[in-house]
């Protein structure tokens, strides 16, 4: 997954969660 260099995987998950149902997205290791 492409992400800005200063973003953590958690930042990416947090951003995705704000757009879709939270129960559908979780952290599954290194992205």
N, C-alpha and C. Protein backbone atom coordinates (compact mmCIF):
# COMPACT_ATOMS: atom_id res chain seq x y z
N UNK A 1 0.84 -1.19 0.00
CA UNK A 1 0.00 0.00 0.00
C UNK A 1 0.88 1.24 0.00
N UNK A 2 0.59 2.20 -0.88
CA UNK A 2 1.32 3.46 -0.88
C UNK A 2 0.78 4.35 0.22
N UNK A 3 1.70 4.97 0.93
CA UNK A 3 1.31 5.96 1.93
C UNK A 3 2.42 6.98 2.05
N UNK A 4 2.07 8.21 2.43
CA UNK A 4 3.10 9.23 2.63
C UNK A 4 4.14 8.74 3.63
N UNK A 5 5.38 9.11 3.41
CA UNK A 5 6.51 8.61 4.20
C UNK A 5 6.35 8.89 5.70
N UNK A 6 5.68 9.98 6.05
CA UNK A 6 5.56 10.33 7.47
C UNK A 6 4.31 9.76 8.13
N UNK A 7 3.56 8.94 7.39
CA UNK A 7 2.37 8.31 7.96
C UNK A 7 2.73 6.94 8.51
N UNK A 8 2.12 6.58 9.63
CA UNK A 8 2.25 5.22 10.14
C UNK A 8 1.10 4.40 9.57
N UNK A 9 1.20 3.10 9.71
CA UNK A 9 0.10 2.23 9.27
C UNK A 9 -1.17 2.56 10.03
N UNK A 10 -1.03 2.93 11.30
CA UNK A 10 -2.20 3.29 12.11
C UNK A 10 -2.88 4.53 11.55
N UNK A 11 -2.09 5.50 11.08
CA UNK A 11 -2.67 6.71 10.46
C UNK A 11 -3.52 6.34 9.25
N UNK A 12 -3.02 5.40 8.46
CA UNK A 12 -3.75 4.97 7.26
C UNK A 12 -5.07 4.32 7.66
N UNK A 13 -5.02 3.42 8.64
CA UNK A 13 -6.23 2.73 9.11
C UNK A 13 -7.23 3.74 9.66
N UNK A 14 -6.72 4.71 10.42
CA UNK A 14 -7.59 5.73 11.01
C UNK A 14 -8.31 6.52 9.92
N UNK A 15 -7.58 6.86 8.86
CA UNK A 15 -8.16 7.64 7.77
C UNK A 15 -9.22 6.82 7.04
N UNK A 16 -8.93 5.55 6.79
CA UNK A 16 -9.89 4.68 6.11
C UNK A 16 -11.14 4.51 6.98
N UNK A 17 -10.94 4.32 8.27
CA UNK A 17 -12.07 4.15 9.19
C UNK A 17 -13.01 5.34 9.19
N UNK A 18 -12.49 6.52 8.96
CA UNK A 18 -13.34 7.71 8.97
C UNK A 18 -14.26 7.75 7.74
N UNK A 19 -13.96 6.91 6.74
CA UNK A 19 -14.77 6.91 5.51
C UNK A 19 -15.72 5.71 5.40
N UNK A 20 -15.39 4.63 6.10
CA UNK A 20 -16.26 3.45 6.04
C UNK A 20 -16.57 2.94 7.44
N UNK A 21 -17.37 1.88 7.52
CA UNK A 21 -17.74 1.32 8.82
C UNK A 21 -16.49 0.84 9.57
N UNK A 22 -16.31 1.29 10.79
CA UNK A 22 -15.11 0.95 11.57
C UNK A 22 -14.92 -0.55 11.78
N UNK A 23 -15.99 -1.32 11.87
CA UNK A 23 -15.84 -2.75 12.13
C UNK A 23 -15.30 -3.52 10.93
N UNK A 24 -15.16 -2.86 9.78
CA UNK A 24 -14.67 -3.52 8.59
C UNK A 24 -13.15 -3.35 8.40
N UNK A 25 -12.54 -2.47 9.18
CA UNK A 25 -11.12 -2.16 8.99
C UNK A 25 -10.35 -2.39 10.28
N UNK A 26 -9.23 -3.06 10.17
CA UNK A 26 -8.37 -3.26 11.33
C UNK A 26 -6.93 -3.33 10.88
N UNK A 27 -6.03 -3.33 11.82
CA UNK A 27 -4.61 -3.40 11.50
C UNK A 27 -4.21 -4.87 11.42
N UNK A 28 -3.70 -5.28 10.28
CA UNK A 28 -3.34 -6.69 10.08
C UNK A 28 -1.84 -6.83 9.85
N UNK A 29 -1.04 -6.14 10.64
CA UNK A 29 0.40 -6.22 10.50
C UNK A 29 0.93 -5.06 9.66
N UNK A 30 2.16 -5.24 9.16
CA UNK A 30 2.80 -4.18 8.39
C UNK A 30 2.15 -4.01 7.04
N UNK A 31 1.87 -2.77 6.67
CA UNK A 31 1.27 -2.49 5.37
C UNK A 31 2.34 -2.13 4.36
